[in-house]
Full PDB file with SEQRES, HELIX, SHEET, SSBOND, CRYST1, ORIGX, SCALE, CONECT and MASTER records, all heavy atoms in Angstrom:
SEQRES   1 A   36  GLY SER VAL GLY GLY ALA ILE SER MET TYR ILE ILE GLY          
SEQRES   2 A   36  GLY TYR LEU ALA ALA GLY ASP VAL PRO ALA VAL ALA THR          
SEQRES   3 A   36  GLY ASP LEU PRO PRO GLY GLY ILE ALA ALA                      
HELIX    1 AA1 SER A    2  ALA A   17  1                                  16    
HELIX    2 AA2 PRO A   31  ALA A   35  1                                   5    
CRYST1    1.000    1.000    1.000  90.00  90.00  90.00 P 1           1          
ORIGX1      1.000000  0.000000  0.000000        0.00000                         
ORIGX2      0.000000  1.000000  0.000000        0.00000                         
ORIGX3      0.000000  0.000000  1.000000        0.00000                         
SCALE1      1.000000  0.000000  0.000000        0.00000                         
SCALE2      0.000000  1.000000  0.000000        0.00000                         
SCALE3      0.000000  0.000000  1.000000        0.00000                         
ATOM      1  N   GLY A   1     -76.592 145.909-111.390  1.00  0.00           N  
ATOM      2  CA  GLY A   1     -76.501 144.827-112.367  1.00  0.00           C  
ATOM      3  C   GLY A   1     -75.368 143.870-112.068  1.00  0.00           C  
ATOM      4  O   GLY A   1     -75.512 142.648-112.211  1.00  0.00           O  
ATOM      5  N   SER A   2     -74.216 144.403-111.647  1.00  0.00           N  
ATOM      6  CA  SER A   2     -73.064 143.548-111.341  1.00  0.00           C  
ATOM      7  C   SER A   2     -73.340 142.664-110.125  1.00  0.00           C  
ATOM      8  O   SER A   2     -73.069 141.454-110.151  1.00  0.00           O  
ATOM      9  CB  SER A   2     -71.827 144.410-111.078  1.00  0.00           C  
ATOM     10  OG  SER A   2     -71.399 145.053-112.262  1.00  0.00           O  
ATOM     11  N   VAL A   3     -73.862 143.251-109.057  1.00  0.00           N  
ATOM     12  CA  VAL A   3     -74.107 142.488-107.833  1.00  0.00           C  
ATOM     13  C   VAL A   3     -75.198 141.441-108.060  1.00  0.00           C  
ATOM     14  O   VAL A   3     -75.035 140.258-107.715  1.00  0.00           O  
ATOM     15  CB  VAL A   3     -74.488 143.433-106.673  1.00  0.00           C  
ATOM     16  CG1 VAL A   3     -74.910 142.632-105.448  1.00  0.00           C  
ATOM     17  CG2 VAL A   3     -73.323 144.352-106.338  1.00  0.00           C  
ATOM     18  N   GLY A   4     -76.322 141.866-108.650  1.00  0.00           N  
ATOM     19  CA  GLY A   4     -77.412 140.912-108.893  1.00  0.00           C  
ATOM     20  C   GLY A   4     -77.013 139.822-109.864  1.00  0.00           C  
ATOM     21  O   GLY A   4     -77.340 138.639-109.664  1.00  0.00           O  
ATOM     22  N   GLY A   5     -76.283 140.189-110.928  1.00  0.00           N  
ATOM     23  CA  GLY A   5     -75.838 139.191-111.898  1.00  0.00           C  
ATOM     24  C   GLY A   5     -74.839 138.217-111.309  1.00  0.00           C  
ATOM     25  O   GLY A   5     -74.879 137.014-111.597  1.00  0.00           O  
ATOM     26  N   ALA A   6     -73.927 138.717-110.461  1.00  0.00           N  
ATOM     27  CA  ALA A   6     -72.930 137.843-109.848  1.00  0.00           C  
ATOM     28  C   ALA A   6     -73.586 136.824-108.920  1.00  0.00           C  
ATOM     29  O   ALA A   6     -73.249 135.632-108.949  1.00  0.00           O  
ATOM     30  CB  ALA A   6     -71.914 138.680-109.069  1.00  0.00           C  
ATOM     31  N   ILE A   7     -74.540 137.276-108.112  1.00  0.00           N  
ATOM     32  CA  ILE A   7     -75.234 136.350-107.205  1.00  0.00           C  
ATOM     33  C   ILE A   7     -75.941 135.258-107.991  1.00  0.00           C  
ATOM     34  O   ILE A   7     -75.866 134.060-107.656  1.00  0.00           O  
ATOM     35  CB  ILE A   7     -76.233 137.121-106.318  1.00  0.00           C  
ATOM     36  CG1 ILE A   7     -75.471 138.035-105.344  1.00  0.00           C  
ATOM     37  CG2 ILE A   7     -77.137 136.162-105.551  1.00  0.00           C  
ATOM     38  CD1 ILE A   7     -76.369 138.969-104.556  1.00  0.00           C  
ATOM     39  N   SER A   8     -76.617 135.645-109.084  1.00  0.00           N  
ATOM     40  CA  SER A   8     -77.343 134.663-109.903  1.00  0.00           C  
ATOM     41  C   SER A   8     -76.395 133.642-110.505  1.00  0.00           C  
ATOM     42  O   SER A   8     -76.656 132.429-110.477  1.00  0.00           O  
ATOM     43  CB  SER A   8     -78.115 135.390-111.012  1.00  0.00           C  
ATOM     44  OG  SER A   8     -79.048 136.316-110.475  1.00  0.00           O  
ATOM     45  N   MET A   9     -75.267 134.122-111.049  1.00  0.00           N  
ATOM     46  CA  MET A   9     -74.304 133.207-111.661  1.00  0.00           C  
ATOM     47  C   MET A   9     -73.654 132.285-110.631  1.00  0.00           C  
ATOM     48  O   MET A   9     -73.424 131.094-110.899  1.00  0.00           O  
ATOM     49  CB  MET A   9     -73.231 134.000-112.409  1.00  0.00           C  
ATOM     50  CG  MET A   9     -73.676 134.566-113.746  1.00  0.00           C  
ATOM     51  SD  MET A   9     -73.755 133.268-115.006  1.00  0.00           S  
ATOM     52  CE  MET A   9     -73.975 134.231-116.497  1.00  0.00           C  
ATOM     53  N   TYR A  10     -73.340 132.805-109.447  1.00  0.00           N  
ATOM     54  CA  TYR A  10     -72.750 131.966-108.402  1.00  0.00           C  
ATOM     55  C   TYR A  10     -73.705 130.850-107.988  1.00  0.00           C  
ATOM     56  O   TYR A  10     -73.280 129.712-107.732  1.00  0.00           O  
ATOM     57  CB  TYR A  10     -72.389 132.811-107.180  1.00  0.00           C  
ATOM     58  CG  TYR A  10     -71.032 133.473-107.260  1.00  0.00           C  
ATOM     59  CD1 TYR A  10     -70.886 134.827-106.980  1.00  0.00           C  
ATOM     60  CD2 TYR A  10     -69.892 132.741-107.602  1.00  0.00           C  
ATOM     61  CE1 TYR A  10     -69.643 135.447-107.051  1.00  0.00           C  
ATOM     62  CE2 TYR A  10     -68.649 133.341-107.676  1.00  0.00           C  
ATOM     63  CZ  TYR A  10     -68.526 134.701-107.408  1.00  0.00           C  
ATOM     64  OH  TYR A  10     -67.287 135.292-107.482  1.00  0.00           O  
ATOM     65  N   ILE A  11     -74.989 131.158-107.919  1.00  0.00           N  
ATOM     66  CA  ILE A  11     -75.975 130.137-107.538  1.00  0.00           C  
ATOM     67  C   ILE A  11     -76.053 129.038-108.599  1.00  0.00           C  
ATOM     68  O   ILE A  11     -76.070 127.835-108.282  1.00  0.00           O  
ATOM     69  CB  ILE A  11     -77.350 130.784-107.306  1.00  0.00           C  
ATOM     70  CG1 ILE A  11     -77.309 131.656-106.044  1.00  0.00           C  
ATOM     71  CG2 ILE A  11     -78.449 129.713-107.187  1.00  0.00           C  
ATOM     72  CD1 ILE A  11     -78.564 132.444-105.798  1.00  0.00           C  
ATOM     73  N   ILE A  12     -76.064 129.427-109.876  1.00  0.00           N  
ATOM     74  CA  ILE A  12     -76.106 128.422-110.953  1.00  0.00           C  
ATOM     75  C   ILE A  12     -74.841 127.573-110.917  1.00  0.00           C  
ATOM     76  O   ILE A  12     -74.887 126.333-111.010  1.00  0.00           O  
ATOM     77  CB  ILE A  12     -76.254 129.106-112.325  1.00  0.00           C  
ATOM     78  CG1 ILE A  12     -77.564 129.895-112.399  1.00  0.00           C  
ATOM     79  CG2 ILE A  12     -76.218 128.057-113.447  1.00  0.00           C  
ATOM     80  CD1 ILE A  12     -77.687 130.758-113.640  1.00  0.00           C  
ATOM     81  N   GLY A  13     -73.663 128.224-110.781  1.00  0.00           N  
ATOM     82  CA  GLY A  13     -72.412 127.485-110.722  1.00  0.00           C  
ATOM     83  C   GLY A  13     -72.352 126.545-109.535  1.00  0.00           C  
ATOM     84  O   GLY A  13     -71.861 125.411-109.639  1.00  0.00           O  
ATOM     85  N   GLY A  14     -72.887 126.998-108.378  1.00  0.00           N  
ATOM     86  CA  GLY A  14     -72.912 126.140-107.200  1.00  0.00           C  
ATOM     87  C   GLY A  14     -73.788 124.924-107.397  1.00  0.00           C  
ATOM     88  O   GLY A  14     -73.445 123.806-106.971  1.00  0.00           O  
ATOM     89  N   TYR A  15     -74.929 125.103-108.070  1.00  0.00           N  
ATOM     90  CA  TYR A  15     -75.828 123.979-108.353  1.00  0.00           C  
ATOM     91  C   TYR A  15     -75.134 122.946-109.235  1.00  0.00           C  
ATOM     92  O   TYR A  15     -75.199 121.731-108.974  1.00  0.00           O  
ATOM     93  CB  TYR A  15     -77.095 124.502-109.018  1.00  0.00           C  
ATOM     94  CG  TYR A  15     -77.916 123.445-109.718  1.00  0.00           C  
ATOM     95  CD1 TYR A  15     -78.589 122.460-108.992  1.00  0.00           C  
ATOM     96  CD2 TYR A  15     -78.020 123.433-111.110  1.00  0.00           C  
ATOM     97  CE1 TYR A  15     -79.342 121.491-109.646  1.00  0.00           C  
ATOM     98  CE2 TYR A  15     -78.762 122.474-111.766  1.00  0.00           C  
ATOM     99  CZ  TYR A  15     -79.424 121.498-111.029  1.00  0.00           C  
ATOM    100  OH  TYR A  15     -80.164 120.535-111.677  1.00  0.00           O  
ATOM    101  N   LEU A  16     -74.436 123.419-110.273  1.00  0.00           N  
ATOM    102  CA  LEU A  16     -73.754 122.489-111.180  1.00  0.00           C  
ATOM    103  C   LEU A  16     -72.568 121.820-110.487  1.00  0.00           C  
ATOM    104  O   LEU A  16     -72.296 120.633-110.702  1.00  0.00           O  
ATOM    105  CB  LEU A  16     -73.281 123.232-112.429  1.00  0.00           C  
ATOM    106  CG  LEU A  16     -74.378 123.834-113.313  1.00  0.00           C  
ATOM    107  CD1 LEU A  16     -73.758 124.587-114.490  1.00  0.00           C  
ATOM    108  CD2 LEU A  16     -75.329 122.766-113.826  1.00  0.00           C  
ATOM    109  N   ALA A  17     -71.861 122.574-109.643  1.00  0.00           N  
ATOM    110  CA  ALA A  17     -70.705 122.004-108.946  1.00  0.00           C  
ATOM    111  C   ALA A  17     -71.109 120.939-107.935  1.00  0.00           C  
ATOM    112  O   ALA A  17     -70.318 120.029-107.638  1.00  0.00           O  
ATOM    113  CB  ALA A  17     -69.931 123.114-108.241  1.00  0.00           C  
ATOM    114  N   ALA A  18     -72.347 121.046-107.424  1.00  0.00           N  
ATOM    115  CA  ALA A  18     -72.813 120.065-106.434  1.00  0.00           C  
ATOM    116  C   ALA A  18     -72.997 118.685-107.041  1.00  0.00           C  
ATOM    117  O   ALA A  18     -73.091 117.686-106.313  1.00  0.00           O  
ATOM    118  CB  ALA A  18     -74.114 120.532-105.803  1.00  0.00           C  
ATOM    119  N   GLY A  19     -73.092 118.609-108.367  1.00  0.00           N  
ATOM    120  CA  GLY A  19     -73.174 117.310-109.042  1.00  0.00           C  
ATOM    121  C   GLY A  19     -74.550 116.687-109.051  1.00  0.00           C  
ATOM    122  O   GLY A  19     -74.682 115.491-109.295  1.00  0.00           O  
ATOM    123  N   ASP A  20     -75.610 117.477-108.797  1.00  0.00           N  
ATOM    124  CA  ASP A  20     -76.960 116.927-108.776  1.00  0.00           C  
ATOM    125  C   ASP A  20     -77.617 116.927-110.157  1.00  0.00           C  
ATOM    126  O   ASP A  20     -78.748 116.475-110.309  1.00  0.00           O  
ATOM    127  CB  ASP A  20     -77.835 117.742-107.814  1.00  0.00           C  
ATOM    128  CG  ASP A  20     -77.364 117.616-106.369  1.00  0.00           C  
ATOM    129  OD1 ASP A  20     -76.756 116.571-106.067  1.00  0.00           O  
ATOM    130  OD2 ASP A  20     -77.600 118.535-105.581  1.00  0.00           O  
ATOM    131  N   VAL A  21     -76.918 117.435-111.153  1.00  0.00           N  
ATOM    132  CA  VAL A  21     -77.491 117.488-112.495  1.00  0.00           C  
ATOM    133  C   VAL A  21     -77.371 116.115-113.139  1.00  0.00           C  
ATOM    134  O   VAL A  21     -76.317 115.473-113.053  1.00  0.00           O  
ATOM    135  CB  VAL A  21     -76.749 118.533-113.360  1.00  0.00           C  
ATOM    136  CG1 VAL A  21     -77.459 118.719-114.688  1.00  0.00           C  
ATOM    137  CG2 VAL A  21     -76.635 119.841-112.609  1.00  0.00           C  
ATOM    138  N   PRO A  22     -78.442 115.610-113.793  1.00  0.00           N  
ATOM    139  CA  PRO A  22     -78.348 114.307-114.469  1.00  0.00           C  
ATOM    140  C   PRO A  22     -77.220 114.290-115.489  1.00  0.00           C  
ATOM    141  O   PRO A  22     -76.932 115.293-116.139  1.00  0.00           O  
ATOM    142  CB  PRO A  22     -79.721 114.164-115.141  1.00  0.00           C  
ATOM    143  CG  PRO A  22     -80.626 115.060-114.370  1.00  0.00           C  
ATOM    144  CD  PRO A  22     -79.779 116.200-113.901  1.00  0.00           C  
ATOM    145  N   ALA A  23     -76.559 113.146-115.607  1.00  0.00           N  
ATOM    146  CA  ALA A  23     -75.438 113.029-116.546  1.00  0.00           C  
ATOM    147  C   ALA A  23     -75.881 113.287-117.974  1.00  0.00           C  
ATOM    148  O   ALA A  23     -75.145 113.841-118.784  1.00  0.00           O  
ATOM    149  CB  ALA A  23     -74.807 111.645-116.423  1.00  0.00           C  
ATOM    150  N   VAL A  24     -77.124 112.887-118.293  1.00  0.00           N  
ATOM    151  CA  VAL A  24     -77.686 113.110-119.616  1.00  0.00           C  
ATOM    152  C   VAL A  24     -78.924 113.984-119.449  1.00  0.00           C  
ATOM    153  O   VAL A  24     -79.797 113.675-118.623  1.00  0.00           O  
ATOM    154  CB  VAL A  24     -78.061 111.785-120.316  1.00  0.00           C  
ATOM    155  CG1 VAL A  24     -78.686 112.071-121.680  1.00  0.00           C  
ATOM    156  CG2 VAL A  24     -76.831 110.902-120.455  1.00  0.00           C  
ATOM    157  N   ALA A  25     -78.986 115.076-120.203  1.00  0.00           N  
ATOM    158  CA  ALA A  25     -80.125 115.973-120.088  1.00  0.00           C  
ATOM    159  C   ALA A  25     -81.417 115.255-120.443  1.00  0.00           C  
ATOM    160  O   ALA A  25     -81.485 114.497-121.411  1.00  0.00           O  
ATOM    161  CB  ALA A  25     -79.933 117.178-121.006  1.00  0.00           C  
ATOM    162  N   THR A  26     -82.437 115.472-119.635  1.00  0.00           N  
ATOM    163  CA  THR A  26     -83.728 114.836-119.856  1.00  0.00           C  
ATOM    164  C   THR A  26     -84.786 115.910-120.081  1.00  0.00           C  
ATOM    165  O   THR A  26     -84.537 117.099-119.954  1.00  0.00           O  
ATOM    166  CB  THR A  26     -84.116 113.991-118.639  1.00  0.00           C  
ATOM    167  OG1 THR A  26     -84.189 114.848-117.484  1.00  0.00           O  
ATOM    168  CG2 THR A  26     -83.083 112.905-118.386  1.00  0.00           C  
ATOM    169  N   GLY A  27     -85.974 115.452-120.405  1.00  0.00           N  
ATOM    170  CA  GLY A  27     -87.050 116.396-120.671  1.00  0.00           C  
ATOM    171  C   GLY A  27     -87.555 117.091-119.428  1.00  0.00           C  
ATOM    172  O   GLY A  27     -88.070 118.202-119.502  1.00  0.00           O  
ATOM    173  N   ASP A  28     -87.439 116.451-118.264  1.00  0.00           N  
ATOM    174  CA  ASP A  28     -87.952 117.008-117.016  1.00  0.00           C  
ATOM    175  C   ASP A  28     -86.783 117.490-116.158  1.00  0.00           C  
ATOM    176  O   ASP A  28     -85.902 116.712-115.790  1.00  0.00           O  
ATOM    177  CB  ASP A  28     -88.770 115.964-116.254  1.00  0.00           C  
ATOM    178  CG  ASP A  28     -90.003 115.524-117.042  1.00  0.00           C  
ATOM    179  OD1 ASP A  28     -90.606 116.399-117.699  1.00  0.00           O  
ATOM    180  OD2 ASP A  28     -90.336 114.326-116.990  1.00  0.00           O  
ATOM    181  N   LEU A  29     -86.812 118.782-115.808  1.00  0.00           N  
ATOM    182  CA  LEU A  29     -85.772 119.325-114.950  1.00  0.00           C  
ATOM    183  C   LEU A  29     -86.075 118.995-113.495  1.00  0.00           C  
ATOM    184  O   LEU A  29     -87.228 119.095-113.059  1.00  0.00           O  
ATOM    185  CB  LEU A  29     -85.693 120.849-115.111  1.00  0.00           C  
ATOM    186  CG  LEU A  29     -85.026 121.393-116.378  1.00  0.00           C  
ATOM    187  CD1 LEU A  29     -85.164 122.912-116.425  1.00  0.00           C  
ATOM    188  CD2 LEU A  29     -83.567 121.005-116.421  1.00  0.00           C  
ATOM    189  N   PRO A  30     -85.064 118.602-112.701  1.00  0.00           N  
ATOM    190  CA  PRO A  30     -85.265 118.438-111.262  1.00  0.00           C  
ATOM    191  C   PRO A  30     -85.505 119.798-110.624  1.00  0.00           C  
ATOM    192  O   PRO A  30     -85.288 120.842-111.253  1.00  0.00           O  
ATOM    193  CB  PRO A  30     -83.944 117.809-110.803  1.00  0.00           C  
ATOM    194  CG  PRO A  30     -82.941 118.251-111.809  1.00  0.00           C  
ATOM    195  CD  PRO A  30     -83.682 118.325-113.121  1.00  0.00           C  
ATOM    196  N   PRO A  31     -85.967 119.834-109.371  1.00  0.00           N  
ATOM    197  CA  PRO A  31     -86.206 121.119-108.706  1.00  0.00           C  
ATOM    198  C   PRO A  31     -85.003 122.048-108.740  1.00  0.00           C  
ATOM    199  O   PRO A  31     -85.146 123.260-108.939  1.00  0.00           O  
ATOM    200  CB  PRO A  31     -86.563 120.703-107.271  1.00  0.00           C  
ATOM    201  CG  PRO A  31     -87.135 119.331-107.418  1.00  0.00           C  
ATOM    202  CD  PRO A  31     -86.376 118.687-108.535  1.00  0.00           C  
ATOM    203  N   GLY A  32     -83.804 121.481-108.559  1.00  0.00           N  
ATOM    204  CA  GLY A  32     -82.601 122.318-108.627  1.00  0.00           C  
ATOM    205  C   GLY A  32     -82.412 122.925-110.001  1.00  0.00           C  
ATOM    206  O   GLY A  32     -81.969 124.070-110.136  1.00  0.00           O  
ATOM    207  N   GLY A  33     -82.741 122.166-111.051  1.00  0.00           N  
ATOM    208  CA  GLY A  33     -82.625 122.677-112.412  1.00  0.00           C  
ATOM    209  C   GLY A  33     -83.610 123.803-112.680  1.00  0.00           C  
ATOM    210  O   GLY A  33     -83.293 124.782-113.355  1.00  0.00           O  
ATOM    211  N   ILE A  34     -84.824 123.655-112.132  1.00  0.00           N  
ATOM    212  CA  ILE A  34     -85.830 124.725-112.285  1.00  0.00           C  
ATOM    213  C   ILE A  34     -85.348 125.997-111.588  1.00  0.00           C  
ATOM    214  O   ILE A  34     -85.477 127.105-112.130  1.00  0.00           O  
ATOM    215  CB  ILE A  34     -87.183 124.262-111.710  1.00  0.00           C  
ATOM    216  CG1 ILE A  34     -87.724 123.097-112.540  1.00  0.00           C  
ATOM    217  CG2 ILE A  34     -88.174 125.416-111.687  1.00  0.00           C  
ATOM    218  CD1 ILE A  34     -88.973 122.467-111.962  1.00  0.00           C  
ATOM    219  N   ALA A  35     -84.768 125.828-110.389  1.00  0.00           N  
ATOM    220  CA  ALA A  35     -84.218 126.986-109.678  1.00  0.00           C  
ATOM    221  C   ALA A  35     -83.088 127.622-110.482  1.00  0.00           C  
ATOM    222  O   ALA A  35     -82.967 128.858-110.557  1.00  0.00           O  
ATOM    223  CB  ALA A  35     -83.733 126.565-108.302  1.00  0.00           C  
ATOM    224  N   ALA A  36     -82.239 126.783-111.100  1.00  0.00           N  
ATOM    225  CA  ALA A  36     -81.135 127.312-111.908  1.00  0.00           C  
ATOM    226  C   ALA A  36     -81.668 128.103-113.098  1.00  0.00           C  
ATOM    227  O   ALA A  36     -81.125 129.166-113.447  1.00  0.00           O  
ATOM    228  CB  ALA A  36     -80.238 126.169-112.372  1.00  0.00           C  
TER     229      ALA A  36                                                      
MASTER        0    0    0    2    0    0    0    6  228    1    0    3          
END                                                                             
């Protein structure tokens, strides 16, 4: 649980840190958002 949970959280944090998330949340998630 720790290893799998850590990998999942690191991936989400990396996606958000990359800055590809729209400044304002919209109804349609980009591919990166769907992966997150």
